[in-house]
């Protein structure tokens, strides 16, 4: 498994008030959907809803832009990491997105965008997942794609319901192009914290990455390059 991803530059997402590092990975579940020409999640499985803290985690790491911009991989993007196309904005007709969207519209789009990730978790994981476990895995799949889950040790541990072992596997997925990507390190830490139900919101009821805890070193100290996937 290989991803088309640019790393190492600095990308400023419009109207967020802060800079985002380009090692933010374009949502691979969306990339898979666009490449396959899929428009919606399979209707045989009703997507399970995300709890609020899981949704806030995804929103935080995807960032927000009311107007179209080219992400770190050169993909035209808007809202909460919504991929409009696998090409630059200047190479496409932006249609209704040309003048931008508001956050209410962005949330509706994000709800649709997460459907494939939610369905992928429901389809592949037979364990009875808590809302937090489900949300953490949805964030992982939304970020890295279905194949990253099903081809992983994390998945094998879930199948035998070794939840403690599975929680430690998140932090292995932190390298891109043989370099540790800070944005991936903190996202994986937050997903693991959510998975074990120890993630809480900040004082104003908003997601706070500083509340994401370190659950110990990755098993055997081995990390995974997301450009290559896990070599089992």
C-alpha atoms as a PDB file:
ATOM      1  CA  UNK A   1       0.000   0.000   0.000  1.00  0.00           C
ATOM      2  CA  UNK A   2       1.385   3.389  -1.021  1.00  0.00           C
ATOM      3  CA  UNK A   3      -0.077   6.835  -0.539  1.00  0.00           C
ATOM      4  CA  UNK A   4       0.584   9.908  -2.665  1.00  0.00           C
ATOM      5  CA  UNK A   5       1.587  12.375   0.008  1.00  0.00           C
ATOM      6  CA  UNK A   6       3.805  15.438   0.236  1.00  0.00           C
ATOM      7  CA  UNK A   7       5.485  16.106   3.582  1.00  0.00           C
ATOM      8  CA  UNK A   8       7.800  18.632   5.136  1.00  0.00           C
ATOM      9  CA  UNK A   9       6.252  21.928   4.013  1.00  0.00           C
ATOM     10  CA  UNK A  10       4.004  24.293   5.940  1.00  0.00           C
ATOM     11  CA  UNK A  11       0.389  24.723   4.972  1.00  0.00           C
ATOM     12  CA  UNK A  12      -1.816  27.455   6.389  1.00  0.00           C
ATOM     13  CA  UNK A  13      -5.456  26.451   6.316  1.00  0.00           C
ATOM     14  CA  UNK A  14      -7.662  29.430   5.668  1.00  0.00           C
ATOM     15  CA  UNK A  15      -9.468  31.091   8.570  1.00  0.00           C
ATOM     16  CA  UNK A  16      -8.242  28.735  11.302  1.00  0.00           C
ATOM     17  CA  UNK A  17      -5.882  31.212  12.924  1.00  0.00           C
ATOM     18  CA  UNK A  18      -3.091  28.643  13.165  1.00  0.00           C
ATOM     19  CA  UNK A  19      -0.689  26.837  10.865  1.00  0.00           C
ATOM     20  CA  UNK A  20      -0.977  23.165  10.080  1.00  0.00           C
ATOM     21  CA  UNK A  21       1.985  20.986   9.242  1.00  0.00           C
ATOM     22  CA  UNK A  22       1.813  19.363   5.842  1.00  0.00           C
ATOM     23  CA  UNK A  23       2.318  15.900   7.346  1.00  0.00           C
ATOM     24  CA  UNK A  24      -1.412  16.046   7.965  1.00  0.00           C
ATOM     25  CA  UNK A  25      -2.526  13.147   5.757  1.00  0.00           C
ATOM     26  CA  UNK A  26      -5.366  13.690   3.276  1.00  0.00           C
ATOM     27  CA  UNK A  27      -8.243  11.432   4.305  1.00  0.00           C
ATOM     28  CA  UNK A  28      -7.362   8.122   2.682  1.00  0.00           C
ATOM     29  CA  UNK A  29     -10.907   6.767   2.926  1.00  0.00           C
ATOM     30  CA  UNK A  30     -11.945   9.714   0.739  1.00  0.00           C
ATOM     31  CA  UNK A  31      -9.042   9.088  -1.631  1.00  0.00           C
ATOM     32  CA  UNK A  32     -10.164   5.463  -1.946  1.00  0.00           C
ATOM     33  CA  UNK A  33     -13.733   6.597  -2.610  1.00  0.00           C
ATOM     34  CA  UNK A  34     -12.756   9.095  -5.298  1.00  0.00           C
ATOM     35  CA  UNK A  35     -10.454   6.642  -7.043  1.00  0.00           C
ATOM     36  CA  UNK A  36     -13.177   3.995  -7.035  1.00  0.00           C
ATOM     37  CA  UNK A  37     -15.868   6.453  -8.138  1.00  0.00           C
ATOM     38  CA  UNK A  38     -18.019   5.759  -5.070  1.00  0.00           C
ATOM     39  CA  UNK A  39     -20.534   8.362  -3.950  1.00  0.00           C
ATOM     40  CA  UNK A  40     -21.931   6.888  -0.743  1.00  0.00           C
ATOM     41  CA  UNK A  41     -21.533   4.164   1.848  1.00  0.00           C
ATOM     42  CA  UNK A  42     -23.125   0.786   1.034  1.00  0.00           C
ATOM     43  CA  UNK A  43     -26.771   0.880   2.029  1.00  0.00           C
ATOM     44  CA  UNK A  44     -26.745  -2.650   3.491  1.00  0.00           C
ATOM     45  CA  UNK A  45     -25.049  -1.284   6.608  1.00  0.00           C
ATOM     46  CA  UNK A  46     -26.523   1.707   8.401  1.00  0.00           C
ATOM     47  CA  UNK A  47     -23.578   3.865   9.534  1.00  0.00           C
ATOM     48  CA  UNK A  48     -23.307   3.968  13.314  1.00  0.00           C
ATOM     49  CA  UNK A  49     -23.243   7.551  14.632  1.00  0.00           C
ATOM     50  CA  UNK A  50     -20.133   9.027  16.207  1.00  0.00           C
ATOM     51  CA  UNK A  51     -20.223  10.390  19.728  1.00  0.00           C
ATOM     52  CA  UNK A  52     -19.428  14.073  20.120  1.00  0.00           C
ATOM     53  CA  UNK A  53     -15.837  13.754  21.315  1.00  0.00           C
ATOM     54  CA  UNK A  54     -14.948  11.454  18.403  1.00  0.00           C
ATOM     55  CA  UNK A  55     -16.378  13.949  15.954  1.00  0.00           C
ATOM     56  CA  UNK A  56     -14.492  16.793  17.646  1.00  0.00           C
ATOM     57  CA  UNK A  57     -11.237  14.830  17.379  1.00  0.00           C
ATOM     58  CA  UNK A  58     -11.693  14.326  13.643  1.00  0.00           C
ATOM     59  CA  UNK A  59     -12.668  17.970  13.126  1.00  0.00           C
ATOM     60  CA  UNK A  60      -9.604  19.141  15.023  1.00  0.00           C
ATOM     61  CA  UNK A  61      -7.098  17.119  13.031  1.00  0.00           C
ATOM     62  CA  UNK A  62      -8.734  17.717   9.668  1.00  0.00           C
ATOM     63  CA  UNK A  63      -8.762  21.476  10.255  1.00  0.00           C
ATOM     64  CA  UNK A  64     -11.287  23.938   8.823  1.00  0.00           C
ATOM     65  CA  UNK A  65     -11.399  26.123   5.747  1.00  0.00           C
ATOM     66  CA  UNK A  66     -14.491  27.884   4.456  1.00  0.00           C
ATOM     67  CA  UNK A  67     -12.919  28.249   1.011  1.00  0.00           C
ATOM     68  CA  UNK A  68     -11.259  25.742  -1.341  1.00  0.00           C
ATOM     69  CA  UNK A  69      -7.504  25.217  -0.991  1.00  0.00           C
ATOM     70  CA  UNK A  70      -4.891  22.724  -2.147  1.00  0.00           C
ATOM     71  CA  UNK A  71      -3.812  20.393   0.649  1.00  0.00           C
ATOM     72  CA  UNK A  72      -0.324  18.990   1.212  1.00  0.00           C
ATOM     73  CA  UNK A  73      -0.812  16.333  -1.471  1.00  0.00           C
ATOM     74  CA  UNK A  74      -2.102  18.867  -4.006  1.00  0.00           C
ATOM     75  CA  UNK A  75      -5.750  17.820  -3.631  1.00  0.00           C
ATOM     76  CA  UNK A  76      -8.486  20.455  -3.778  1.00  0.00           C
ATOM     77  CA  UNK A  77     -10.067  20.554  -0.320  1.00  0.00           C
ATOM     78  CA  UNK A  78     -12.688  22.501   1.618  1.00  0.00           C
ATOM     79  CA  UNK A  79     -14.430  22.404   5.000  1.00  0.00           C
ATOM     80  CA  UNK A  80     -13.215  19.776   7.449  1.00  0.00           C
ATOM     81  CA  UNK A  81     -10.769  18.066   5.113  1.00  0.00           C
ATOM     82  CA  UNK A  82     -13.369  17.337   2.424  1.00  0.00           C
ATOM     83  CA  UNK A  83     -11.640  16.321  -0.813  1.00  0.00           C
ATOM     84  CA  UNK A  84     -13.329  17.875  -3.814  1.00  0.00           C
ATOM     85  CA  UNK A  85     -11.040  16.119  -6.289  1.00  0.00           C
ATOM     86  CA  UNK A  86      -7.668  14.422  -6.539  1.00  0.00           C
ATOM     87  CA  UNK A  87      -6.247  17.466  -8.317  1.00  0.00           C
ATOM     88  CA  UNK A  88      -5.559  21.112  -7.632  1.00  0.00           C
ATOM     89  CA  UNK A  89      -8.385  23.625  -7.306  1.00  0.00           C
ATOM     90  CA  UNK A  90      -7.071  25.550 -10.308  1.00  0.00           C
ATOM     91  CA  UNK A  91      -7.549  22.437 -12.463  1.00  0.00           C
ATOM     92  CA  UNK A  92     -11.256  21.967 -11.775  1.00  0.00           C
ATOM     93  CA  UNK A  93     -14.647  23.642 -11.847  1.00  0.00           C
ATOM     94  CA  UNK A  94     -15.397  24.469  -8.214  1.00  0.00           C
ATOM     95  CA  UNK A  95     -19.099  24.921  -8.926  1.00  0.00           C
ATOM     96  CA  UNK A  96     -21.082  25.748  -5.748  1.00  0.00           C
ATOM     97  CA  UNK A  97     -17.905  25.611  -3.642  1.00  0.00           C
ATOM     98  CA  UNK A  98     -16.312  28.561  -5.465  1.00  0.00           C
ATOM     99  CA  UNK A  99     -17.747  31.097  -3.011  1.00  0.00           C
ATOM    100  CA  UNK A 100     -17.111  28.928   0.041  1.00  0.00           C
ATOM    101  CA  UNK A 101     -19.250  27.219   2.686  1.00  0.00           C
ATOM    102  CA  UNK A 102     -20.188  27.856   6.309  1.00  0.00           C
ATOM    103  CA  UNK A 103     -19.548  25.543   9.251  1.00  0.00           C
ATOM    104  CA  UNK A 104     -23.087  24.169   9.262  1.00  0.00           C
ATOM    105  CA  UNK A 105     -22.592  23.050   5.682  1.00  0.00           C
ATOM    106  CA  UNK A 106     -19.145  21.757   6.576  1.00  0.00           C
ATOM    107  CA  UNK A 107     -20.553  19.558   9.337  1.00  0.00           C
ATOM    108  CA  UNK A 108     -23.126  18.039   7.000  1.00  0.00           C
ATOM    109  CA  UNK A 109     -20.369  17.237   4.503  1.00  0.00           C
ATOM    110  CA  UNK A 110     -18.178  15.745   7.222  1.00  0.00           C
ATOM    111  CA  UNK A 111     -21.060  13.548   8.382  1.00  0.00           C
ATOM    112  CA  UNK A 112     -21.259  12.137   4.856  1.00  0.00           C
ATOM    113  CA  UNK A 113     -17.482  11.861   4.494  1.00  0.00           C
ATOM    114  CA  UNK A 114     -17.149   9.729   7.630  1.00  0.00           C
ATOM    115  CA  UNK A 115     -19.778   7.233   6.479  1.00  0.00           C
ATOM    116  CA  UNK A 116     -17.343   4.994   4.595  1.00  0.00           C
ATOM    117  CA  UNK A 117     -14.973   4.922   7.570  1.00  0.00           C
ATOM    118  CA  UNK A 118     -17.769   4.109   9.994  1.00  0.00           C
ATOM    119  CA  UNK A 119     -19.121   1.377   7.745  1.00  0.00           C
ATOM    120  CA  UNK A 120     -15.596  -0.032   7.275  1.00  0.00           C
ATOM    121  CA  UNK A 121     -15.214  -0.382  11.049  1.00  0.00           C
ATOM    122  CA  UNK A 122     -18.653  -1.943  11.429  1.00  0.00           C
ATOM    123  CA  UNK A 123     -18.044  -4.347   8.542  1.00  0.00           C
ATOM    124  CA  UNK A 124     -14.636  -5.554   9.664  1.00  0.00           C
ATOM    125  CA  UNK A 125     -14.646  -5.445  13.475  1.00  0.00           C
ATOM    126  CA  UNK A 126     -16.889  -8.044  15.064  1.00  0.00           C
ATOM    127  CA  UNK A 127     -16.076  -7.067  18.662  1.00  0.00           C
ATOM    128  CA  UNK A 128     -18.727  -5.154  20.583  1.00  0.00           C
ATOM    129  CA  UNK A 129     -17.150  -1.701  20.509  1.00  0.00           C
ATOM    130  CA  UNK A 130     -17.885   1.099  22.941  1.00  0.00           C
ATOM    131  CA  UNK A 131     -18.689   4.521  21.491  1.00  0.00           C
ATOM    132  CA  UNK A 132     -15.151   5.677  22.247  1.00  0.00           C
ATOM    133  CA  UNK A 133     -13.516   2.596  20.712  1.00  0.00           C
ATOM    134  CA  UNK A 134     -15.676   2.964  17.629  1.00  0.00           C
ATOM    135  CA  UNK A 135     -14.829   6.662  17.327  1.00  0.00           C
ATOM    136  CA  UNK A 136     -11.086   6.069  17.660  1.00  0.00           C
ATOM    137  CA  UNK A 137     -11.120   3.388  14.982  1.00  0.00           C
ATOM    138  CA  UNK A 138     -13.260   5.564  12.708  1.00  0.00           C
ATOM    139  CA  UNK A 139     -10.740   8.386  13.004  1.00  0.00           C
ATOM    140  CA  UNK A 140      -7.920   5.949  12.209  1.00  0.00           C
ATOM    141  CA  UNK A 141      -9.691   4.589   9.109  1.00  0.00           C
ATOM    142  CA  UNK A 142     -10.855   8.036   7.987  1.00  0.00           C
ATOM    143  CA  UNK A 143      -7.235   9.182   8.136  1.00  0.00           C
ATOM    144  CA  UNK A 144      -5.428   6.119   6.758  1.00  0.00           C
ATOM    145  CA  UNK A 145      -7.989   4.050   4.876  1.00  0.00           C
ATOM    146  CA  UNK A 146      -9.689   0.699   5.327  1.00  0.00           C
ATOM    147  CA  UNK A 147      -6.675  -1.311   4.165  1.00  0.00           C
ATOM    148  CA  UNK A 148      -4.477   0.133   6.881  1.00  0.00           C
ATOM    149  CA  UNK A 149      -6.868  -1.271   9.471  1.00  0.00           C
ATOM    150  CA  UNK A 150      -7.534  -4.702   7.983  1.00  0.00           C
ATOM    151  CA  UNK A 151      -3.855  -5.297   7.188  1.00  0.00           C
ATOM    152  CA  UNK A 152      -2.616  -4.426  10.663  1.00  0.00           C
ATOM    153  CA  UNK A 153      -1.621  -6.034  13.930  1.00  0.00           C
ATOM    154  CA  UNK A 154      -4.116  -3.655  15.533  1.00  0.00           C
ATOM    155  CA  UNK A 155      -6.869  -5.442  13.607  1.00  0.00           C
ATOM    156  CA  UNK A 156      -5.600  -8.901  14.514  1.00  0.00           C
ATOM    157  CA  UNK A 157      -5.621  -7.948  18.195  1.00  0.00           C
ATOM    158  CA  UNK A 158      -9.166  -6.618  17.889  1.00  0.00           C
ATOM    159  CA  UNK A 159     -10.252  -9.947  16.440  1.00  0.00           C
ATOM    160  CA  UNK A 160      -9.112 -11.729  19.608  1.00  0.00           C
ATOM    161  CA  UNK A 161     -10.467  -8.827  21.705  1.00  0.00           C
ATOM    162  CA  UNK A 162      -7.074  -7.851  23.113  1.00  0.00           C
ATOM    163  CA  UNK A 163      -8.124  -4.248  23.614  1.00  0.00           C
ATOM    164  CA  UNK A 164      -5.113  -3.278  25.695  1.00  0.00           C
ATOM    165  CA  UNK A 165      -2.757  -4.526  23.010  1.00  0.00           C
ATOM    166  CA  UNK A 166      -4.815  -2.846  20.289  1.00  0.00           C
ATOM    167  CA  UNK A 167      -4.656   0.513  22.079  1.00  0.00           C
ATOM    168  CA  UNK A 168      -0.851   0.438  21.979  1.00  0.00           C
ATOM    169  CA  UNK A 169      -0.820  -0.226  18.248  1.00  0.00           C
ATOM    170  CA  UNK A 170      -2.136   3.207  17.270  1.00  0.00           C
ATOM    171  CA  UNK A 171       1.150   4.957  17.971  1.00  0.00           C
ATOM    172  CA  UNK A 172       3.048   2.750  15.531  1.00  0.00           C
ATOM    173  CA  UNK A 173       1.501   4.613  12.561  1.00  0.00           C
ATOM    174  CA  UNK A 174       3.542   7.801  12.786  1.00  0.00           C
ATOM    175  CA  UNK A 175       6.122   7.801   9.994  1.00  0.00           C
ATOM    176  CA  UNK A 176       5.776   9.224   6.481  1.00  0.00           C
ATOM    177  CA  UNK A 177       8.627   8.915   4.000  1.00  0.00           C
ATOM    178  CA  UNK A 178      10.830   7.360   6.711  1.00  0.00           C
ATOM    179  CA  UNK A 179      10.438  10.441   8.905  1.00  0.00           C
ATOM    180  CA  UNK A 180       8.372  10.709  12.066  1.00  0.00           C
ATOM    181  CA  UNK A 181       5.548  13.160  11.367  1.00  0.00           C
ATOM    182  CA  UNK A 182       4.603  15.248  14.449  1.00  0.00           C
ATOM    183  CA  UNK A 183       1.013  15.637  13.257  1.00  0.00           C
ATOM    184  CA  UNK A 184       0.617  11.869  13.064  1.00  0.00           C
ATOM    185  CA  UNK A 185       2.241  11.350  16.471  1.00  0.00           C
ATOM    186  CA  UNK A 186      -0.307  13.523  18.275  1.00  0.00           C
ATOM    187  CA  UNK A 187      -3.287  12.237  16.267  1.00  0.00           C
ATOM    188  CA  UNK A 188      -2.403   8.631  17.056  1.00  0.00           C
ATOM    189  CA  UNK A 189      -1.916   9.509  20.728  1.00  0.00           C
ATOM    190  CA  UNK A 190      -5.336  11.154  20.822  1.00  0.00           C
ATOM    191  CA  UNK A 191      -6.995   8.209  19.082  1.00  0.00           C
ATOM    192  CA  UNK A 192      -5.418   5.796  21.565  1.00  0.00           C
ATOM    193  CA  UNK A 193      -6.522   7.962  24.490  1.00  0.00           C
ATOM    194  CA  UNK A 194     -10.056   7.996  23.121  1.00  0.00           C
ATOM    195  CA  UNK A 195      -9.954   4.232  22.516  1.00  0.00           C
ATOM    196  CA  UNK A 196      -9.369   3.591  26.222  1.00  0.00           C
ATOM    197  CA  UNK A 197     -12.046   6.169  27.167  1.00  0.00           C
ATOM    198  CA  UNK A 198      -9.623   8.551  28.849  1.00  0.00           C
ATOM    199  CA  UNK A 199     -10.123  11.495  26.519  1.00  0.00           C
ATOM    200  CA  UNK A 200     -12.189  14.378  27.865  1.00  0.00           C
ATOM    201  CA  UNK A 201     -13.079  17.794  26.497  1.00  0.00           C
ATOM    202  CA  UNK A 202     -11.516  21.043  27.701  1.00  0.00           C
ATOM    203  CA  UNK A 203     -13.070  23.663  29.957  1.00  0.00           C
ATOM    204  CA  UNK A 204     -15.134  25.178  27.159  1.00  0.00           C
ATOM    205  CA  UNK A 205     -16.407  21.821  26.006  1.00  0.00           C
ATOM    206  CA  UNK A 206     -14.008  21.738  23.076  1.00  0.00           C
ATOM    207  CA  UNK A 207     -11.447  19.155  22.010  1.00  0.00           C
ATOM    208  CA  UNK A 208      -8.066  19.726  23.662  1.00  0.00           C
ATOM    209  CA  UNK A 209      -5.107  17.787  22.287  1.00  0.00           C
ATOM    210  CA  UNK A 210      -3.193  18.491  25.500  1.00  0.00           C
ATOM    211  CA  UNK A 211      -5.491  15.991  27.214  1.00  0.00           C
ATOM    212  CA  UNK A 212      -4.198  13.166  25.031  1.00  0.00           C
ATOM    213  CA  UNK A 213      -1.990  10.908  27.136  1.00  0.00           C
ATOM    214  CA  UNK A 214       1.056   8.790  26.360  1.00  0.00           C
ATOM    215  CA  UNK A 215       0.111   5.145  26.798  1.00  0.00           C
ATOM    216  CA  UNK A 216       3.704   3.910  26.667  1.00  0.00           C
ATOM    217  CA  UNK A 217       6.083   3.060  23.862  1.00  0.00           C
ATOM    218  CA  UNK A 218       4.900   1.241  20.775  1.00  0.00           C
ATOM    219  CA  UNK A 219       5.211  -2.544  20.980  1.00  0.00           C
ATOM    220  CA  UNK A 220       8.828  -3.589  20.370  1.00  0.00           C
ATOM    221  CA  UNK A 221       9.576   0.076  19.639  1.00  0.00           C
ATOM    222  CA  UNK A 222       8.630  -0.519  15.989  1.00  0.00           C
ATOM    223  CA  UNK A 223       6.803   2.175  14.044  1.00  0.00           C
ATOM    224  CA  UNK A 224       5.090   2.013  10.654  1.00  0.00           C
ATOM    225  CA  UNK A 225       5.595   4.193   7.599  1.00  0.00           C
ATOM    226  CA  UNK A 226       2.113   5.102   6.402  1.00  0.00           C
ATOM    227  CA  UNK A 227       3.425   5.334   2.843  1.00  0.00           C
ATOM    228  CA  UNK A 228       4.222   1.621   2.941  1.00  0.00           C
ATOM    229  CA  UNK A 229       1.744   0.170   5.429  1.00  0.00           C
ATOM    230  CA  UNK A 230       2.462  -2.553   7.942  1.00  0.00           C
ATOM    231  CA  UNK A 231       4.579  -5.448   6.697  1.00  0.00           C
ATOM    232  CA  UNK A 232       3.085  -8.499   8.394  1.00  0.00           C
END
